[in-house]
N, C-alpha and C. Protein backbone atom coordinates (compact mmCIF):
# COMPACT_ATOMS: atom_id res chain seq x y z
N MET A 1 -9.06 -2.50 9.42
CA MET A 1 -7.73 -1.55 8.79
C MET A 1 -8.40 -0.49 8.41
N SER A 2 -7.87 0.35 8.89
CA SER A 2 -8.25 1.99 8.33
C SER A 2 -6.84 2.56 8.06
N PRO A 3 -6.40 2.10 6.99
CA PRO A 3 -4.99 3.08 6.58
C PRO A 3 -5.32 4.80 6.61
N PHE A 4 -4.37 5.58 6.97
CA PHE A 4 -4.10 6.91 6.84
C PHE A 4 -2.73 7.23 5.90
N ALA A 5 -2.65 7.88 4.97
CA ALA A 5 -0.90 7.68 4.83
C ALA A 5 -1.06 8.97 4.11
N GLU A 6 0.03 10.12 4.31
CA GLU A 6 0.04 11.12 4.06
C GLU A 6 0.82 10.88 2.43
N PRO A 7 0.28 12.11 1.63
CA PRO A 7 1.05 11.73 0.09
C PRO A 7 2.48 11.63 0.21
N GLY A 8 3.15 10.42 -0.54
CA GLY A 8 4.47 10.38 -0.43
C GLY A 8 5.06 9.21 0.60
N SER A 9 3.99 8.67 1.84
CA SER A 9 4.50 7.92 2.79
C SER A 9 3.18 6.62 2.60
N GLU A 10 2.60 6.24 1.28
CA GLU A 10 1.74 5.37 1.16
C GLU A 10 2.58 4.09 0.95
N LEU A 11 3.65 3.69 0.27
CA LEU A 11 4.50 2.54 0.56
C LEU A 11 4.66 1.72 1.66
N HIS A 12 4.95 2.97 2.61
CA HIS A 12 5.91 2.64 3.69
C HIS A 12 4.69 2.18 4.97
N VAL A 13 3.63 3.14 4.83
CA VAL A 13 2.51 2.43 5.61
C VAL A 13 1.68 1.53 5.46
N CYS A 14 1.54 0.94 3.64
CA CYS A 14 1.31 0.07 3.46
C CYS A 14 1.83 -1.33 3.90
N LEU A 15 3.37 -1.03 3.59
CA LEU A 15 3.88 -2.15 4.06
C LEU A 15 3.73 -2.58 5.47
N LEU A 16 3.96 -1.49 6.32
CA LEU A 16 3.64 -1.58 7.60
C LEU A 16 2.15 -2.61 8.36
N ASP A 17 1.01 -2.04 7.42
CA ASP A 17 0.11 -2.84 7.85
C ASP A 17 0.06 -3.84 6.66
N PHE A 18 0.32 -4.20 6.32
CA PHE A 18 0.58 -5.58 5.54
C PHE A 18 1.35 -6.55 6.64
N LEU A 19 2.59 -6.13 6.81
CA LEU A 19 3.14 -6.93 7.83
C LEU A 19 1.93 -7.15 9.42
N LYS A 20 1.49 -6.15 9.77
CA LYS A 20 0.78 -6.33 11.21
C LYS A 20 -0.48 -6.95 10.61
N HIS A 21 -0.74 -7.06 9.82
CA HIS A 21 -2.56 -7.78 9.48
C HIS A 21 -2.26 -9.56 8.75
N LYS A 22 -1.29 -9.46 8.01
CA LYS A 22 -0.42 -10.66 7.57
C LYS A 22 0.31 -11.65 7.80
N LYS A 23 1.03 -10.42 8.75
CA LYS A 23 2.33 -11.12 9.34
C LYS A 23 3.25 -11.49 8.12
N ILE A 24 3.23 -10.73 7.68
CA ILE A 24 4.62 -11.01 6.13
C ILE A 24 5.24 -9.90 6.29
N ASP A 25 6.50 -9.81 6.15
CA ASP A 25 7.29 -8.66 5.94
C ASP A 25 8.08 -8.72 4.97
N LEU A 26 7.70 -7.26 4.44
CA LEU A 26 8.05 -7.46 2.91
C LEU A 26 8.94 -5.75 3.45
N LEU A 27 9.37 -4.97 4.37
CA LEU A 27 9.85 -3.78 4.37
C LEU A 27 10.82 -3.97 4.05
N HIS A 28 11.79 -5.01 4.02
CA HIS A 28 13.15 -4.78 3.06
C HIS A 28 12.90 -4.68 1.83
N LEU A 29 12.01 -4.71 1.04
CA LEU A 29 11.95 -4.63 -0.21
C LEU A 29 10.99 -2.76 -0.75
N GLU A 30 11.04 -2.05 0.76
CA GLU A 30 10.90 -0.60 0.55
C GLU A 30 11.63 0.04 -0.38
N THR A 31 12.91 0.02 -0.49
CA THR A 31 13.86 0.61 -1.01
C THR A 31 13.73 0.21 -2.53
N VAL A 32 13.48 -0.92 -2.88
CA VAL A 32 13.42 -1.54 -4.29
C VAL A 32 12.05 -0.67 -4.89
N PHE A 33 11.48 -1.01 -4.05
CA PHE A 33 9.93 -0.91 -4.58
C PHE A 33 9.99 0.79 -4.92
N SER A 34 10.40 1.93 -3.91
CA SER A 34 10.48 3.28 -3.89
C SER A 34 11.41 3.49 -5.01
N GLU A 35 12.27 3.02 -5.23
CA GLU A 35 13.52 3.02 -6.40
C GLU A 35 12.47 3.44 -7.76
N LEU A 36 11.67 1.95 -8.05
CA LEU A 36 10.89 1.82 -9.22
C LEU A 36 9.24 2.49 -9.21
N GLU A 37 9.40 3.48 -8.13
CA GLU A 37 7.72 4.08 -8.27
C GLU A 37 6.53 3.00 -7.94
N LEU A 38 7.24 1.83 -7.22
CA LEU A 38 6.15 1.04 -7.61
C LEU A 38 5.10 1.07 -6.13
N THR A 39 4.24 1.84 -6.03
CA THR A 39 3.45 2.36 -5.33
C THR A 39 2.20 1.34 -5.08
N PRO A 40 1.62 1.49 -3.79
CA PRO A 40 0.45 0.18 -3.53
C PRO A 40 -0.65 0.31 -4.68
N ASP A 41 -0.89 1.87 -5.35
CA ASP A 41 -1.64 1.84 -6.19
C ASP A 41 -1.99 1.05 -7.55
N ILE A 42 -0.47 0.83 -7.89
CA ILE A 42 0.09 0.55 -9.27
C ILE A 42 0.45 -1.23 -8.82
N ILE A 43 0.61 -1.73 -7.82
CA ILE A 43 1.64 -2.78 -8.06
C ILE A 43 0.49 -4.07 -8.47
N THR A 44 -0.54 -3.53 -8.43
CA THR A 44 -1.78 -4.82 -8.83
C THR A 44 -1.59 -5.30 -9.83
N GLU A 45 -1.03 -3.85 -10.86
CA GLU A 45 -0.89 -3.89 -12.26
C GLU A 45 0.38 -4.52 -13.07
N VAL A 46 1.40 -4.78 -12.03
CA VAL A 46 2.57 -4.90 -12.22
C VAL A 46 2.25 -6.66 -11.91
N PRO A 47 3.06 -7.00 -13.46
CA PRO A 47 3.03 -8.72 -13.87
C PRO A 47 3.96 -9.51 -12.66
N MET A 48 3.11 -10.48 -12.25
CA MET A 48 3.62 -11.47 -11.21
C MET A 48 5.05 -11.51 -11.44
N ALA A 49 5.15 -12.15 -12.38
CA ALA A 49 6.89 -12.19 -13.02
C ALA A 49 7.74 -11.33 -12.58
N CYS A 50 7.44 -10.03 -12.94
CA CYS A 50 7.99 -8.85 -12.46
C CYS A 50 8.71 -8.60 -11.15
N LEU A 51 7.13 -8.81 -10.70
CA LEU A 51 7.69 -9.01 -9.02
C LEU A 51 8.19 -9.88 -8.24
N ARG A 52 8.01 -10.98 -9.13
CA ARG A 52 9.11 -12.07 -8.59
C ARG A 52 10.41 -11.78 -8.75
N GLU A 53 10.77 -11.52 -9.70
CA GLU A 53 12.20 -10.95 -10.37
C GLU A 53 12.94 -10.18 -9.18
N ILE A 54 11.94 -8.88 -9.22
CA ILE A 54 12.61 -7.52 -8.24
C ILE A 54 12.43 -8.27 -6.89
N SER A 55 11.42 -9.04 -6.25
CA SER A 55 11.20 -8.86 -4.65
C SER A 55 12.08 -10.68 -4.34
N GLY A 56 12.51 -11.62 -5.45
CA GLY A 56 12.84 -12.94 -5.03
C GLY A 56 11.81 -13.83 -4.21
N MET A 57 10.36 -13.28 -4.02
CA MET A 57 9.53 -13.87 -3.03
C MET A 57 8.67 -14.57 -3.95
N VAL A 58 8.31 -15.67 -3.18
CA VAL A 58 7.40 -16.63 -3.88
C VAL A 58 6.03 -16.24 -4.24
N GLU A 59 5.26 -16.62 -5.14
CA GLU A 59 4.69 -15.97 -5.91
C GLU A 59 3.18 -15.94 -4.69
N GLY A 60 2.87 -16.88 -3.76
CA GLY A 60 1.81 -16.84 -3.09
C GLY A 60 1.68 -16.23 -2.19
N ARG A 61 2.85 -15.46 -1.72
CA ARG A 61 2.88 -13.93 -0.77
C ARG A 61 2.93 -12.52 -1.48
N LEU A 62 2.76 -12.54 -3.19
CA LEU A 62 3.11 -11.66 -3.59
C LEU A 62 1.71 -11.57 -4.30
N TRP A 63 0.81 -12.93 -4.57
CA TRP A 63 -0.92 -12.33 -4.49
C TRP A 63 -1.02 -11.79 -3.49
N LYS A 64 -1.10 -12.66 -2.37
CA LYS A 64 -1.49 -11.69 -0.95
C LYS A 64 -1.21 -10.32 -1.05
N PHE A 65 -0.03 -10.03 -1.04
CA PHE A 65 0.05 -8.36 -1.16
C PHE A 65 -0.34 -7.58 -2.23
N LYS A 66 -0.79 -8.18 -3.34
CA LYS A 66 -1.24 -7.33 -4.80
C LYS A 66 -2.72 -7.20 -3.79
N ILE A 67 -3.16 -8.35 -3.76
CA ILE A 67 -4.80 -8.22 -3.10
C ILE A 67 -5.02 -7.08 -1.97
N PHE A 68 -3.72 -7.32 -0.83
CA PHE A 68 -4.17 -6.64 0.26
C PHE A 68 -3.79 -4.66 -0.49
N CYS A 69 -3.09 -4.40 -1.17
CA CYS A 69 -2.73 -3.26 -1.72
C CYS A 69 -3.67 -2.94 -2.49
N HIS A 70 -4.29 -3.58 -3.41
CA HIS A 70 -6.16 -3.36 -3.73
C HIS A 70 -6.78 -2.84 -2.87
N ASP A 71 -7.12 -4.22 -1.74
CA ASP A 71 -8.22 -3.28 -0.86
C ASP A 71 -7.53 -2.39 -0.38
N TRP A 72 -6.11 -2.25 0.06
CA TRP A 72 -5.66 -1.00 1.10
C TRP A 72 -5.74 0.61 0.32
N THR A 73 -5.29 0.26 -0.87
CA THR A 73 -5.77 1.25 -1.66
C THR A 73 -6.89 2.05 -2.03
N GLU A 74 -8.00 1.20 -1.77
CA GLU A 74 -9.52 1.53 -2.20
C GLU A 74 -9.75 2.18 -1.10
N ARG A 75 -9.04 1.62 0.61
CA ARG A 75 -9.97 2.15 1.61
C ARG A 75 -9.03 3.19 1.46
N LEU A 76 -8.08 3.72 1.45
CA LEU A 76 -7.38 4.86 1.80
C LEU A 76 -8.12 6.11 0.70
N ASP A 77 -8.65 6.08 -0.52
CA ASP A 77 -9.41 6.94 -1.49
C ASP A 77 -10.40 7.12 -0.66
N GLU A 78 -10.92 6.04 -0.26
CA GLU A 78 -12.83 6.26 0.37
C GLU A 78 -12.12 7.20 1.56
N LYS A 79 -11.01 7.29 2.54
CA LYS A 79 -10.83 7.75 3.22
C LYS A 79 -10.51 9.21 3.54
N ARG A 80 -9.58 9.17 2.07
CA ARG A 80 -9.35 10.87 1.82
C ARG A 80 -10.72 11.49 1.13
N HIS A 81 -11.40 10.73 0.43
CA HIS A 81 -12.86 11.26 0.10
C HIS A 81 -13.88 11.77 1.14
N ALA A 82 -13.48 11.20 1.82
CA ALA A 82 -14.63 11.65 2.86
C ALA A 82 -14.00 12.65 3.81
N MET A 83 -12.54 12.73 4.12
CA MET A 83 -12.24 13.80 4.49
C MET A 83 -12.34 14.92 4.70
N SER A 84 -12.15 14.90 2.60
CA SER A 84 -12.28 16.15 1.83
C SER A 84 -13.34 16.99 1.80
N PHE A 85 -14.47 15.97 2.33
CA PHE A 85 -15.86 16.92 2.39
C PHE A 85 -16.39 17.19 4.10
N ARG A 86 -15.56 16.72 4.77
CA ARG A 86 -15.96 17.31 6.22
C ARG A 86 -15.49 18.98 6.36
N PRO A 87 -17.35 19.13 7.21
CA PRO A 87 -16.89 20.68 7.15
C PRO A 87 -15.84 21.31 8.21
N LEU A 88 -15.93 22.31 7.72
CA LEU A 88 -14.80 22.81 8.49
C LEU A 88 -15.72 23.64 10.30
N THR A 89 -14.94 23.42 11.14
CA THR A 89 -15.26 23.53 12.35
C THR A 89 -14.74 25.18 12.70
N ASP A 90 -15.82 26.06 13.44
CA ASP A 90 -15.36 27.28 13.76
C ASP A 90 -14.94 27.17 14.89
N SER A 91 -13.47 27.98 15.08
CA SER A 91 -12.99 27.51 16.40
C SER A 91 -13.23 28.96 17.07
N THR A 92 -14.10 29.64 17.23
CA THR A 92 -14.25 30.07 18.01
C THR A 92 -15.49 29.86 18.90
């Protein structure tokens, strides 16, 4: 998995990647998560009871999503960090 998401699209891209890699579709929760500003970088900090109430999902799937968000966010941060140090190329 090599996520790349433009700022502001992280939630959508993460949900798509979760579906792709775990075969669990949470795309129907995108609006709810977005309205509550629950982005992948903080979902791991949201109490399980709160996520169950918001989503109506079973706990096992939500744990998978929380773990996925943690790993996904770390990879995205690493990729953004690496890209920020990429040397500029001369276009001439």
